[in-house]
PDB file of N, CA and C in Angstrom:
ATOM      1  N   MET A   1      67.174  39.173-162.018  1.00  0.00           N
ATOM      2  CA  MET A   1      68.101  40.082-161.380  1.00  0.00           C
ATOM      3  C   MET A   1      68.296  39.624-159.932  1.00  0.00           C
ATOM      4  N   ASN A   2      69.551  39.424-159.531  1.00  0.00           N
ATOM      5  CA  ASN A   2      69.784  38.986-158.153  1.00  0.00           C
ATOM      6  C   ASN A   2      69.823  40.186-157.201  1.00  0.00           C
ATOM      7  N   ASN A   3      69.936  39.904-155.924  1.00  0.00           N
ATOM      8  CA  ASN A   3      69.887  40.963-154.906  1.00  0.00           C
ATOM      9  C   ASN A   3      71.014  41.975-155.037  1.00  0.00           C
ATOM     10  N   ILE A   4      72.199  41.495-155.408  1.00  0.00           N
ATOM     11  CA  ILE A   4      73.340  42.404-155.555  1.00  0.00           C
ATOM     12  C   ILE A   4      73.068  43.382-156.695  1.00  0.00           C
ATOM     13  N   ASP A   5      72.622  42.863-157.841  1.00  0.00           N
ATOM     14  CA  ASP A   5      72.293  43.731-158.977  1.00  0.00           C
ATOM     15  C   ASP A   5      71.169  44.691-158.624  1.00  0.00           C
ATOM     16  N   SER A   6      70.183  44.196-157.900  1.00  0.00           N
ATOM     17  CA  SER A   6      69.043  45.010-157.506  1.00  0.00           C
ATOM     18  C   SER A   6      69.480  46.150-156.576  1.00  0.00           C
ATOM     19  N   ASP A   7      70.351  45.841-155.621  1.00  0.00           N
ATOM     20  CA  ASP A   7      70.882  46.853-154.704  1.00  0.00           C
ATOM     21  C   ASP A   7      71.686  47.896-155.467  1.00  0.00           C
ATOM     22  N   LEU A   8      72.531  47.433-156.385  1.00  0.00           N
ATOM     23  CA  LEU A   8      73.334  48.346-157.199  1.00  0.00           C
ATOM     24  C   LEU A   8      72.415  49.265-157.999  1.00  0.00           C
ATOM     25  N   GLN A   9      71.389  48.703-158.611  1.00  0.00           N
ATOM     26  CA  GLN A   9      70.462  49.501-159.419  1.00  0.00           C
ATOM     27  C   GLN A   9      69.749  50.543-158.558  1.00  0.00           C
ATOM     28  N   THR A  10      69.336  50.160-157.367  1.00  0.00           N
ATOM     29  CA  THR A  10      68.663  51.096-156.459  1.00  0.00           C
ATOM     30  C   THR A  10      69.599  52.236-156.077  1.00  0.00           C
ATOM     31  N   ARG A  11      70.844  51.878-155.723  1.00  0.00           N
ATOM     32  CA  ARG A  11      71.825  52.921-155.359  1.00  0.00           C
ATOM     33  C   ARG A  11      72.130  53.821-156.551  1.00  0.00           C
ATOM     34  N   TRP A  12      72.155  53.231-157.748  1.00  0.00           N
ATOM     35  CA  TRP A  12      72.416  54.012-158.965  1.00  0.00           C
ATOM     36  C   TRP A  12      71.273  55.010-159.215  1.00  0.00           C
ATOM     37  N   TRP A  13      70.035  54.534-159.059  1.00  0.00           N
ATOM     38  CA  TRP A  13      68.892  55.434-159.258  1.00  0.00           C
ATOM     39  C   TRP A  13      68.919  56.578-158.244  1.00  0.00           C
ATOM     40  N   ASN A  14      69.329  56.286-157.018  1.00  0.00           N
ATOM     41  CA  ASN A  14      69.444  57.340-155.999  1.00  0.00           C
ATOM     42  C   ASN A  14      70.484  58.386-156.402  1.00  0.00           C
ATOM     43  N   LEU A  15      71.615  57.908-156.938  1.00  0.00           N
ATOM     44  CA  LEU A  15      72.640  58.841-157.417  1.00  0.00           C
ATOM     45  C   LEU A  15      72.088  59.685-158.562  1.00  0.00           C
ATOM     46  N   GLU A  16      71.449  59.038-159.523  1.00  0.00           N
ATOM     47  CA  GLU A  16      70.878  59.781-160.657  1.00  0.00           C
ATOM     48  C   GLU A  16      69.899  60.844-160.171  1.00  0.00           C
ATOM     49  N   ALA A  17      69.076  60.497-159.187  1.00  0.00           N
ATOM     50  CA  ALA A  17      68.101  61.456-158.653  1.00  0.00           C
ATOM     51  C   ALA A  17      68.822  62.662-158.038  1.00  0.00           C
ATOM     52  N   LYS A  18      69.915  62.409-157.313  1.00  0.00           N
ATOM     53  CA  LYS A  18      70.672  63.514-156.719  1.00  0.00           C
ATOM     54  C   LYS A  18      71.323  64.379-157.797  1.00  0.00           C
ATOM     55  N   LEU A  19      71.808  63.741-158.850  1.00  0.00           N
ATOM     56  CA  LEU A  19      72.429  64.510-159.933  1.00  0.00           C
ATOM     57  C   LEU A  19      71.392  65.328-160.691  1.00  0.00           C
ATOM     58  N   VAL A  20      70.187  64.789-160.844  1.00  0.00           N
ATOM     59  CA  VAL A  20      69.103  65.539-161.489  1.00  0.00           C
ATOM     60  C   VAL A  20      68.776  66.774-160.633  1.00  0.00           C
ATOM     61  N   GLU A  21      68.695  66.572-159.313  1.00  0.00           N
ATOM     62  CA  GLU A  21      68.451  67.705-158.399  1.00  0.00           C
ATOM     63  C   GLU A  21      69.514  68.778-158.585  1.00  0.00           C
ATOM     64  N   ARG A  22      70.747  68.334-158.690  1.00  0.00           N
ATOM     65  CA  ARG A  22      71.887  69.256-158.743  1.00  0.00           C
ATOM     66  C   ARG A  22      72.017  69.949-160.101  1.00  0.00           C
ATOM     67  N   PHE A  23      71.816  69.189-161.188  1.00  0.00           N
ATOM     68  CA  PHE A  23      72.096  69.725-162.527  1.00  0.00           C
ATOM     69  C   PHE A  23      70.861  69.929-163.393  1.00  0.00           C
ATOM     70  N   GLY A  24      69.698  69.466-162.926  1.00  0.00           N
ATOM     71  CA  GLY A  24      68.473  69.715-163.669  1.00  0.00           C
ATOM     72  C   GLY A  24      68.178  68.718-164.771  1.00  0.00           C
ATOM     73  N   LYS A  25      69.069  67.758-164.997  1.00  0.00           N
ATOM     74  CA  LYS A  25      68.780  66.707-165.977  1.00  0.00           C
ATOM     75  C   LYS A  25      69.568  65.463-165.620  1.00  0.00           C
ATOM     76  N   LYS A  26      69.097  64.326-166.144  1.00  0.00           N
ATOM     77  CA  LYS A  26      69.724  63.043-165.832  1.00  0.00           C
ATOM     78  C   LYS A  26      70.959  62.853-166.708  1.00  0.00           C
ATOM     79  N   PRO A  27      72.134  62.720-166.092  1.00  0.00           N
ATOM     80  CA  PRO A  27      73.352  62.547-166.893  1.00  0.00           C
ATOM     81  C   PRO A  27      73.555  61.093-167.310  1.00  0.00           C
ATOM     82  N   ASP A  28      74.186  60.902-168.467  1.00  0.00           N
ATOM     83  CA  ASP A  28      74.567  59.545-168.866  1.00  0.00           C
ATOM     84  C   ASP A  28      75.952  59.246-168.280  1.00  0.00           C
ATOM     85  N   MET A  29      76.424  58.035-168.475  1.00  0.00           N
ATOM     86  CA  MET A  29      77.712  57.626-167.894  1.00  0.00           C
ATOM     87  C   MET A  29      78.851  58.515-168.389  1.00  0.00           C
ATOM     88  N   GLU A  30      78.822  58.889-169.655  1.00  0.00           N
ATOM     89  CA  GLU A  30      79.869  59.747-170.214  1.00  0.00           C
ATOM     90  C   GLU A  30      79.917  61.083-169.470  1.00  0.00           C
ATOM     91  N   THR A  31      78.761  61.656-169.211  1.00  0.00           N
ATOM     92  CA  THR A  31      78.681  62.927-168.496  1.00  0.00           C
ATOM     93  C   THR A  31      79.184  62.776-167.064  1.00  0.00           C
ATOM     94  N   ILE A  32      78.817  61.674-166.425  1.00  0.00           N
ATOM     95  CA  ILE A  32      79.282  61.420-165.058  1.00  0.00           C
ATOM     96  C   ILE A  32      80.806  61.298-165.037  1.00  0.00           C
ATOM     97  N   LEU A  33      81.367  60.592-166.000  1.00  0.00           N
ATOM     98  CA  LEU A  33      82.828  60.469-166.086  1.00  0.00           C
ATOM     99  C   LEU A  33      83.467  61.834-166.301  1.00  0.00           C
ATOM    100  N   PHE A  34      82.850  62.645-167.134  1.00  0.00           N
ATOM    101  CA  PHE A  34      83.343  63.996-167.387  1.00  0.00           C
ATOM    102  C   PHE A  34      83.354  64.801-166.083  1.00  0.00           C
ATOM    103  N   LEU A  35      82.279  64.704-165.299  1.00  0.00           N
ATOM    104  CA  LEU A  35      82.201  65.417-164.012  1.00  0.00           C
ATOM    105  C   LEU A  35      83.284  64.940-163.044  1.00  0.00           C
ATOM    106  N   VAL A  36      83.492  63.630-162.970  1.00  0.00           N
ATOM    107  CA  VAL A  36      84.534  63.075-162.097  1.00  0.00           C
ATOM    108  C   VAL A  36      85.905  63.563-162.573  1.00  0.00           C
ATOM    109  N   GLY A  37      86.111  63.560-163.885  1.00  0.00           N
ATOM    110  CA  GLY A  37      87.382  64.026-164.451  1.00  0.00           C
ATOM    111  C   GLY A  37      87.660  65.474-164.097  1.00  0.00           C
ATOM    112  N   ILE A  38      86.658  66.328-164.207  1.00  0.00           N
ATOM    113  CA  ILE A  38      86.821  67.744-163.841  1.00  0.00           C
ATOM    114  C   ILE A  38      87.149  67.856-162.347  1.00  0.00           C
ATOM    115  N   GLN A  39      86.439  67.088-161.537  1.00  0.00           N
ATOM    116  CA  GLN A  39      86.676  67.087-160.088  1.00  0.00           C
ATOM    117  C   GLN A  39      88.140  66.720-159.787  1.00  0.00           C
ATOM    118  N   GLU A  40      88.641  65.689-160.453  1.00  0.00           N
ATOM    119  CA  GLU A  40      90.007  65.223-160.212  1.00  0.00           C
ATOM    120  C   GLU A  40      91.047  66.175-160.794  1.00  0.00           C
ATOM    121  N   PHE A  41      90.737  66.766-161.938  1.00  0.00           N
ATOM    122  CA  PHE A  41      91.649  67.708-162.584  1.00  0.00           C
ATOM    123  C   PHE A  41      91.701  69.007-161.783  1.00  0.00           C
ATOM    124  N   GLY A  42      90.550  69.388-161.236  1.00  0.00           N
ATOM    125  CA  GLY A  42      90.497  70.550-160.356  1.00  0.00           C
ATOM    126  C   GLY A  42      90.458  71.894-161.064  1.00  0.00           C
ATOM    127  N   ASP A  43      90.226  71.898-162.350  1.00  0.00           N
ATOM    128  CA  ASP A  43      90.169  73.151-163.102  1.00  0.00           C
ATOM    129  C   ASP A  43      88.831  73.213-163.825  1.00  0.00           C
ATOM    130  N   ILE A  44      87.967  74.075-163.358  1.00  0.00           N
ATOM    131  CA  ILE A  44      86.647  74.179-163.985  1.00  0.00           C
ATOM    132  C   ILE A  44      86.695  75.310-165.003  1.00  0.00           C
ATOM    133  N   ARG A  45      86.663  74.948-166.245  1.00  0.00           N
ATOM    134  CA  ARG A  45      86.661  75.928-167.334  1.00  0.00           C
ATOM    135  C   ARG A  45      85.300  75.866-168.017  1.00  0.00           C
ATOM    136  N   SER A  46      85.029  76.891-168.764  1.00  0.00           N
ATOM    137  CA  SER A  46      83.755  76.844-169.488  1.00  0.00           C
ATOM    138  C   SER A  46      83.887  76.028-170.766  1.00  0.00           C
ATOM    139  N   LYS A  47      85.093  75.899-171.276  1.00  0.00           N
ATOM    140  CA  LYS A  47      85.297  75.168-172.528  1.00  0.00           C
ATOM    141  C   LYS A  47      86.486  74.223-172.411  1.00  0.00           C
ATOM    142  N   PHE A  48      86.263  73.009-172.873  1.00  0.00           N
ATOM    143  CA  PHE A  48      87.347  72.037-173.020  1.00  0.00           C
ATOM    144  C   PHE A  48      87.330  71.571-174.460  1.00  0.00           C
ATOM    145  N   THR A  49      88.508  71.308-175.029  1.00  0.00           N
ATOM    146  CA  THR A  49      88.561  70.760-176.387  1.00  0.00           C
ATOM    147  C   THR A  49      88.061  69.316-176.341  1.00  0.00           C
ATOM    148  N   LYS A  50      87.768  68.775-177.501  1.00  0.00           N
ATOM    149  CA  LYS A  50      87.310  67.381-177.573  1.00  0.00           C
ATOM    150  C   LYS A  50      88.374  66.455-176.982  1.00  0.00           C
ATOM    151  N   GLU A  51      89.627  66.729-177.293  1.00  0.00           N
ATOM    152  CA  GLU A  51      90.731  65.913-176.775  1.00  0.00           C
ATOM    153  C   GLU A  51      90.814  66.031-175.241  1.00  0.00           C
ATOM    154  N   GLN A  52      90.649  67.244-174.721  1.00  0.00           N
ATOM    155  CA  GLN A  52      90.683  67.431-173.268  1.00  0.00           C
ATOM    156  C   GLN A  52      89.524  66.699-172.591  1.00  0.00           C
ATOM    157  N   LYS A  53      88.357  66.700-173.233  1.00  0.00           N
ATOM    158  CA  LYS A  53      87.205  65.969-172.679  1.00  0.00           C
ATOM    159  C   LYS A  53      87.518  64.476-172.593  1.00  0.00           C
ATOM    160  N   GLN A  54      88.155  63.937-173.642  1.00  0.00           N
ATOM    161  CA  GLN A  54      88.550  62.525-173.628  1.00  0.00           C
ATOM    162  C   GLN A  54      89.574  62.275-172.519  1.00  0.00           C
ATOM    163  N   ASP A  55      90.520  63.209-172.371  1.00  0.00           N
ATOM    164  CA  ASP A  55      91.532  63.084-171.323  1.00  0.00           C
ATOM    165  C   ASP A  55      90.882  63.115-169.940  1.00  0.00           C
ATOM    166  N   LEU A  56      89.892  63.992-169.767  1.00  0.00           N
ATOM    167  CA  LEU A  56      89.187  64.076-168.483  1.00  0.00           C
ATOM    168  C   LEU A  56      88.464  62.774-168.165  1.00  0.00           C
ATOM    169  N   MET A  57      87.862  62.170-169.180  1.00  0.00           N
ATOM    170  CA  MET A  57      87.166  60.897-168.959  1.00  0.00           C
ATOM    171  C   MET A  57      88.173  59.786-168.634  1.00  0.00           C
ATOM    172  N   HIS A  58      89.346  59.832-169.239  1.00  0.00           N
ATOM    173  CA  HIS A  58      90.400  58.865-168.922  1.00  0.00           C
ATOM    174  C   HIS A  58      90.867  59.054-167.470  1.00  0.00           C
ATOM    175  N   VAL A  59      91.068  60.304-167.062  1.00  0.00           N
ATOM    176  CA  VAL A  59      91.436  60.614-165.676  1.00  0.00           C
ATOM    177  C   VAL A  59      90.366  60.064-164.733  1.00  0.00           C
ATOM    178  N   ALA A  60      89.099  60.239-165.104  1.00  0.00           N
ATOM    179  CA  ALA A  60      87.992  59.752-164.275  1.00  0.00           C
ATOM    180  C   ALA A  60      88.049  58.242-164.112  1.00  0.00           C
ATOM    181  N   VAL A  61      88.197  57.524-165.217  1.00  0.00           N
ATOM    182  CA  VAL A  61      88.231  56.061-165.164  1.00  0.00           C
ATOM    183  C   VAL A  61      89.400  55.592-164.290  1.00  0.00           C
ATOM    184  N   CYS A  62      90.570  56.184-164.478  1.00  0.00           N
ATOM    185  CA  CYS A  62      91.737  55.808-163.669  1.00  0.00           C
ATOM    186  C   CYS A  62      91.499  56.132-162.191  1.00  0.00           C
ATOM    187  N   SER A  63      90.916  57.289-161.912  1.00  0.00           N
ATOM    188  CA  SER A  63      90.627  57.678-160.531  1.00  0.00           C
ATOM    189  C   SER A  63      89.626  56.727-159.898  1.00  0.00           C
ATOM    190  N   LEU A  64      88.595  56.372-160.650  1.00  0.00           N
ATOM    191  CA  LEU A  64      87.581  55.450-160.135  1.00  0.00           C
ATOM    192  C   LEU A  64      88.199  54.095-159.810  1.00  0.00           C
ATOM    193  N   PHE A  65      88.994  53.569-160.736  1.00  0.00           N
ATOM    194  CA  PHE A  65      89.550  52.233-160.547  1.00  0.00           C
ATOM    195  C   PHE A  65      90.755  52.243-159.601  1.00  0.00           C
ATOM    196  N   ALA A  66      91.317  53.414-159.319  1.00  0.00           N
ATOM    197  CA  ALA A  66      92.379  53.518-158.312  1.00  0.00           C
ATOM    198  C   ALA A  66      91.822  53.157-156.937  1.00  0.00           C
ATOM    199  N   GLN A  67      90.518  53.396-156.744  1.00  0.00           N
ATOM    200  CA  GLN A  67      89.877  53.072-155.472  1.00  0.00           C
ATOM    201  C   GLN A  67      89.986  51.588-155.147  1.00  0.00           C
ATOM    202  N   SER A  68      90.121  50.747-156.171  1.00  0.00           N
ATOM    203  CA  SER A  68      90.211  49.296-155.991  1.00  0.00           C
ATOM    204  C   SER A  68      91.615  48.771-156.279  1.00  0.00           C
ATOM    205  N   GLY A  69      92.567  49.676-156.385  1.00  0.00           N
ATOM    206  CA  GLY A  69      93.950  49.253-156.567  1.00  0.00           C
ATOM    207  C   GLY A  69      94.360  48.873-157.978  1.00  0.00           C
ATOM    208  N   TYR A  70      93.539  49.220-158.973  1.00  0.00           N
ATOM    209  CA  TYR A  70      93.903  48.916-160.360  1.00  0.00           C
ATOM    210  C   TYR A  70      94.883  49.936-160.928  1.00  0.00           C
ATOM    211  N   TYR A  71      94.785  51.169-160.449  1.00  0.00           N
ATOM    212  CA  TYR A  71      95.657  52.255-160.892  1.00  0.00           C
ATOM    213  C   TYR A  71      96.152  53.004-159.669  1.00  0.00           C
ATOM    214  N   GLU A  72      97.262  53.731-159.860  1.00  0.00           N
ATOM    215  CA  GLU A  72      97.661  54.689-158.835  1.00  0.00           C
ATOM    216  C   GLU A  72      98.148  55.948-159.532  1.00  0.00           C
ATOM    217  N   LEU A  73      97.991  57.055-158.841  1.00  0.00           N
ATOM    218  CA  LEU A  73      98.456  58.331-159.374  1.00  0.00           C
ATOM    219  C   LEU A  73      99.976  58.294-159.394  1.00  0.00           C
ATOM    220  N   GLU A  74     100.542  58.532-160.560  1.00  0.00           N
ATOM    221  CA  GLU A  74     101.994  58.491-160.704  1.00  0.00           C
ATOM    222  C   GLU A  74     102.576  59.888-160.529  1.00  0.00           C
ATOM    223  N   LYS A  75     101.965  60.856-161.209  1.00  0.00           N
ATOM    224  CA  LYS A  75     102.454  62.235-161.111  1.00  0.00           C
ATOM    225  C   LYS A  75     101.389  63.176-161.652  1.00  0.00           C
ATOM    226  N   VAL A  76     101.588  64.445-161.387  1.00  0.00           N
ATOM    227  CA  VAL A  76     100.767  65.491-161.984  1.00  0.00           C
ATOM    228  C   VAL A  76     101.725  66.342-162.811  1.00  0.00           C
ATOM    229  N   ASP A  77     101.422  66.503-164.097  1.00  0.00           N
ATOM    230  CA  ASP A  77     102.354  67.242-164.960  1.00  0.00           C
ATOM    231  C   ASP A  77     102.281  68.746-164.718  1.00  0.00           C
ATOM    232  N   GLU A  78     103.123  69.474-165.431  1.00  0.00           N
ATOM    233  CA  GLU A  78     103.219  70.929-165.213  1.00  0.00           C
ATOM    234  C   GLU A  78     101.928  71.674-165.553  1.00  0.00           C
ATOM    235  N   ASP A  79     101.056  71.052-166.341  1.00  0.00           N
ATOM    236  CA  ASP A  79      99.770  71.673-166.674  1.00  0.00           C
ATOM    237  C   ASP A  79      98.663  71.257-165.705  1.00  0.00           C
ATOM    238  N   GLY A  80      99.026  70.459-164.707  1.00  0.00           N
ATOM    239  CA  GLY A  80      98.042  70.049-163.710  1.00  0.00           C
ATOM    240  C   GLY A  80      97.302  68.758-164.021  1.00  0.00           C
ATOM    241  N   TRP A  81      97.691  68.085-165.106  1.00  0.00           N
ATOM    242  CA  TRP A  81      97.008  66.839-165.489  1.00  0.00           C
ATOM    243  C   TRP A  81      97.576  65.661-164.708  1.00  0.00           C
ATOM    244  N   PRO A  82      96.705  64.886-164.063  1.00  0.00           N
ATOM    245  CA  PRO A  82      97.167  63.687-163.366  1.00  0.00           C
ATOM    246  C   PRO A  82      97.526  62.580-164.367  1.00  0.00           C
ATOM    247  N   HIS A  83      98.575  61.832-164.029  1.00  0.00           N
ATOM    248  CA  HIS A  83      98.979  60.676-164.835  1.00  0.00           C
ATOM    249  C   HIS A  83      98.992  59.456-163.930  1.00  0.00           C
ATOM    250  N   PHE A  84      98.443  58.362-164.433  1.00  0.00           N
ATOM    251  CA  PHE A  84      98.268  57.156-163.638  1.00  0.00           C
ATOM    252  C   PHE A  84      99.108  56.013-164.177  1.00  0.00           C
ATOM    253  N   LYS A  85      99.415  55.098-163.282  1.00  0.00           N
ATOM    254  CA  LYS A  85     100.119  53.871-163.639  1.00  0.00           C
ATOM    255  C   LYS A  85      99.170  52.719-163.323  1.00  0.00           C
ATOM    256  N   GLN A  86      99.015  51.803-164.279  1.00  0.00           N
ATOM    257  CA  GLN A  86      98.163  50.638-164.039  1.00  0.00           C
ATOM    258  C   GLN A  86      98.946  49.629-163.211  1.00  0.00           C
ATOM    259  N   LEU A  87      98.336  49.181-162.111  1.00  0.00           N
ATOM    260  CA  LEU A  87      98.996  48.257-161.192  1.00  0.00           C
ATOM    261  C   LEU A  87      98.636  46.804-161.469  1.00  0.00           C
ATOM    262  N   LYS A  88      97.419  46.576-161.921  1.00  0.00           N
ATOM    263  CA  LYS A  88      96.980  45.209-162.225  1.00  0.00           C
ATOM    264  C   LYS A  88      95.928  45.288-163.315  1.00  0.00           C
ATOM    265  N   PRO A  89      95.801  44.209-164.095  1.00  0.00           N
ATOM    266  CA  PRO A  89      94.820  44.238-165.184  1.00  0.00           C
ATOM    267  C   PRO A  89      93.389  44.243-164.643  1.00  0.00           C
ATOM    268  N   LEU A  90      92.520  44.891-165.363  1.00  0.00           N
ATOM    269  CA  LEU A  90      91.099  44.876-165.016  1.00  0.00           C
ATOM    270  C   LEU A  90      90.545  43.486-165.311  1.00  0.00           C
ATOM    271  N   PRO A  91      89.565  43.048-164.531  1.00  0.00           N
ATOM    272  CA  PRO A  91      89.004  41.712-164.792  1.00  0.00           C
ATOM    273  C   PRO A  91      88.318  41.639-166.147  1.00  0.00           C
ATOM    274  N   VAL A  92      88.312  40.460-166.710  1.00  0.00           N
ATOM    275  CA  VAL A  92      87.609  40.224-167.978  1.00  0.00           C
ATOM    276  C   VAL A  92      86.121  40.115-167.656  1.00  0.00           C
ATOM    277  N   MET A  93      85.320  40.930-168.319  1.00  0.00           N
ATOM    278  CA  MET A  93      83.884  40.969-168.021  1.00  0.00           C
ATOM    279  C   MET A  93      83.096  41.139-169.305  1.00  0.00           C
ATOM    280  N   ASN A  94      81.837  40.681-169.259  1.00  0.00           N
ATOM    281  CA  ASN A  94      80.945  40.983-170.373  1.00  0.00           C
ATOM    282  C   ASN A  94      80.444  42.422-170.220  1.00  0.00           C
ATOM    283  N   LEU A  95      79.695  42.888-171.197  1.00  0.00           N
ATOM    284  CA  LEU A  95      79.261  44.284-171.211  1.00  0.00           C
ATOM    285  C   LEU A  95      78.452  44.666-169.973  1.00  0.00           C
ATOM    286  N   MET A  96      77.533  43.813-169.556  1.00  0.00           N
ATOM    287  CA  MET A  96      76.702  44.089-168.388  1.00  0.00           C
ATOM    288  C   MET A  96      77.551  44.159-167.114  1.00  0.00           C
ATOM    289  N   GLU A  97      78.478  43.223-166.988  1.00  0.00           N
ATOM    290  CA  GLU A  97      79.376  43.218-165.826  1.00  0.00           C
ATOM    291  C   GLU A  97      80.258  44.463-165.820  1.00  0.00           C
ATOM    292  N   GLN A  98      80.730  44.877-166.997  1.00  0.00           N
ATOM    293  CA  GLN A  98      81.544  46.095-167.104  1.00  0.00           C
ATOM    294  C   GLN A  98      80.752  47.310-166.628  1.00  0.00           C
ATOM    295  N   GLU A  99      79.503  47.388-167.071  1.00  0.00           N
ATOM    296  CA  GLU A  99      78.654  48.517-166.695  1.00  0.00           C
ATOM    297  C   GLU A  99      78.441  48.553-165.179  1.00  0.00           C
ATOM    298  N   ASN A 100      78.156  47.402-164.592  1.00  0.00           N
ATOM    299  CA  ASN A 100      77.949  47.325-163.147  1.00  0.00           C
ATOM    300  C   ASN A 100      79.232  47.629-162.374  1.00  0.00           C
ATOM    301  N   PHE A 101      80.362  47.160-162.891  1.00  0.00           N
ATOM    302  CA  PHE A 101      81.670  47.424-162.288  1.00  0.00           C
ATOM    303  C   PHE A 101      81.921  48.933-162.259  1.00  0.00           C
ATOM    304  N   MET A 102      81.637  49.583-163.377  1.00  0.00           N
ATOM    305  CA  MET A 102      81.816  51.032-163.481  1.00  0.00           C
ATOM    306  C   MET A 102      80.852  51.746-162.532  1.00  0.00           C
ATOM    307  N   LYS A 103      79.587  51.360-162.533  1.00  0.00           N
ATOM    308  CA  LYS A 103      78.593  51.989-161.658  1.00  0.00           C
ATOM    309  C   LYS A 103      78.996  51.863-160.198  1.00  0.00           C
ATOM    310  N   ASP A 104      79.458  50.685-159.812  1.00  0.00           N
ATOM    311  CA  ASP A 104      79.878  50.441-158.442  1.00  0.00           C
ATOM    312  C   ASP A 104      81.005  51.402-158.041  1.00  0.00           C
ATOM    313  N   HIS A 105      81.953  51.607-158.931  1.00  0.00           N
ATOM    314  CA  HIS A 105      83.077  52.507-158.651  1.00  0.00           C
ATOM    315  C   HIS A 105      82.635  53.969-158.631  1.00  0.00           C
ATOM    316  N   VAL A 106      81.702  54.322-159.504  1.00  0.00           N
ATOM    317  CA  VAL A 106      81.158  55.692-159.494  1.00  0.00           C
ATOM    318  C   VAL A 106      80.447  55.944-158.163  1.00  0.00           C
ATOM    319  N   LEU A 107      79.634  54.990-157.726  1.00  0.00           N
ATOM    320  CA  LEU A 107      78.916  55.136-156.456  1.00  0.00           C
ATOM    321  C   LEU A 107      79.887  55.271-155.286  1.00  0.00           C
ATOM    322  N   LEU A 108      80.941  54.466-155.281  1.00  0.00           N
ATOM    323  CA  LEU A 108      81.953  54.546-154.229  1.00  0.00           C
ATOM    324  C   LEU A 108      82.623  55.912-154.243  1.00  0.00           C
ATOM    325  N   TYR A 109      82.935  56.405-155.435  1.00  0.00           N
ATOM    326  CA  TYR A 109      83.578  57.713-155.575  1.00  0.00           C
ATOM    327  C   TYR A 109      82.693  58.819-154.989  1.00  0.00           C
ATOM    328  N   PHE A 110      81.426  58.825-155.376  1.00  0.00           N
ATOM    329  CA  PHE A 110      80.521  59.870-154.882  1.00  0.00           C
ATOM    330  C   PHE A 110      80.316  59.747-153.366  1.00  0.00           C
ATOM    331  N   LYS A 111      80.272  58.526-152.876  1.00  0.00           N
ATOM    332  CA  LYS A 111      80.137  58.321-151.430  1.00  0.00           C
ATOM    333  C   LYS A 111      81.376  58.843-150.703  1.00  0.00           C
ATOM    334  N   ASN A 112      82.553  58.502-151.221  1.00  0.00           N
ATOM    335  CA  ASN A 112      83.822  58.941-150.608  1.00  0.00           C
ATOM    336  C   ASN A 112      84.017  60.453-150.694  1.00  0.00           C
ATOM    337  N   ASN A 113      83.346  61.076-151.632  1.00  0.00           N
ATOM    338  CA  ASN A 113      83.466  62.537-151.784  1.00  0.00           C
ATOM    339  C   ASN A 113      82.239  63.254-151.184  1.00  0.00           C
ATOM    340  N   ASP A 114      81.545  62.543-150.317  1.00  0.00           N
ATOM    341  CA  ASP A 114      80.419  63.106-149.553  1.00  0.00           C
ATOM    342  C   ASP A 114      79.280  63.643-150.401  1.00  0.00           C
ATOM    343  N   PHE A 115      79.115  63.100-151.601  1.00  0.00           N
ATOM    344  CA  PHE A 115      77.957  63.510-152.404  1.00  0.00           C
ATOM    345  C   PHE A 115      76.768  62.647-152.065  1.00  0.00           C
ATOM    346  N   LEU A 116      77.042  61.408-151.675  1.00  0.00           N
ATOM    347  CA  LEU A 116      75.968  60.486-151.269  1.00  0.00           C
ATOM    348  C   LEU A 116      76.061  60.298-149.760  1.00  0.00           C
ATOM    349  N   GLY A 117      74.921  60.285-149.106  1.00  0.00           N
ATOM    350  CA  GLY A 117      74.901  60.121-147.655  1.00  0.00           C
ATOM    351  C   GLY A 117      75.308  58.752-147.207  1.00  0.00           C
TER     352      GLY A 117
END
């Protein structure tokens, strides 16, 4: 493991620790995406349909990658759902690189939203 991966892993563990403090259990990536999606959608309901949960995770991924210029918010529909336009293709990566790419964007998102110091 090189220094960059090691730093990313350390920052990721710090985020997980903060989320455990906040929610009482360690969330997986799917749960984190769901939380980001709810944050971006701005409507906290007690129940979402399976399709809405998938939509929220899609909103999360687009929001995360918008930070690096891969997507931009195109519009918000009448129901309050954000719609994104892809500006450039995502880089081709293996599974490990994809995971680190996603983690890096999640960490940036939480930092930009003042969840991480």
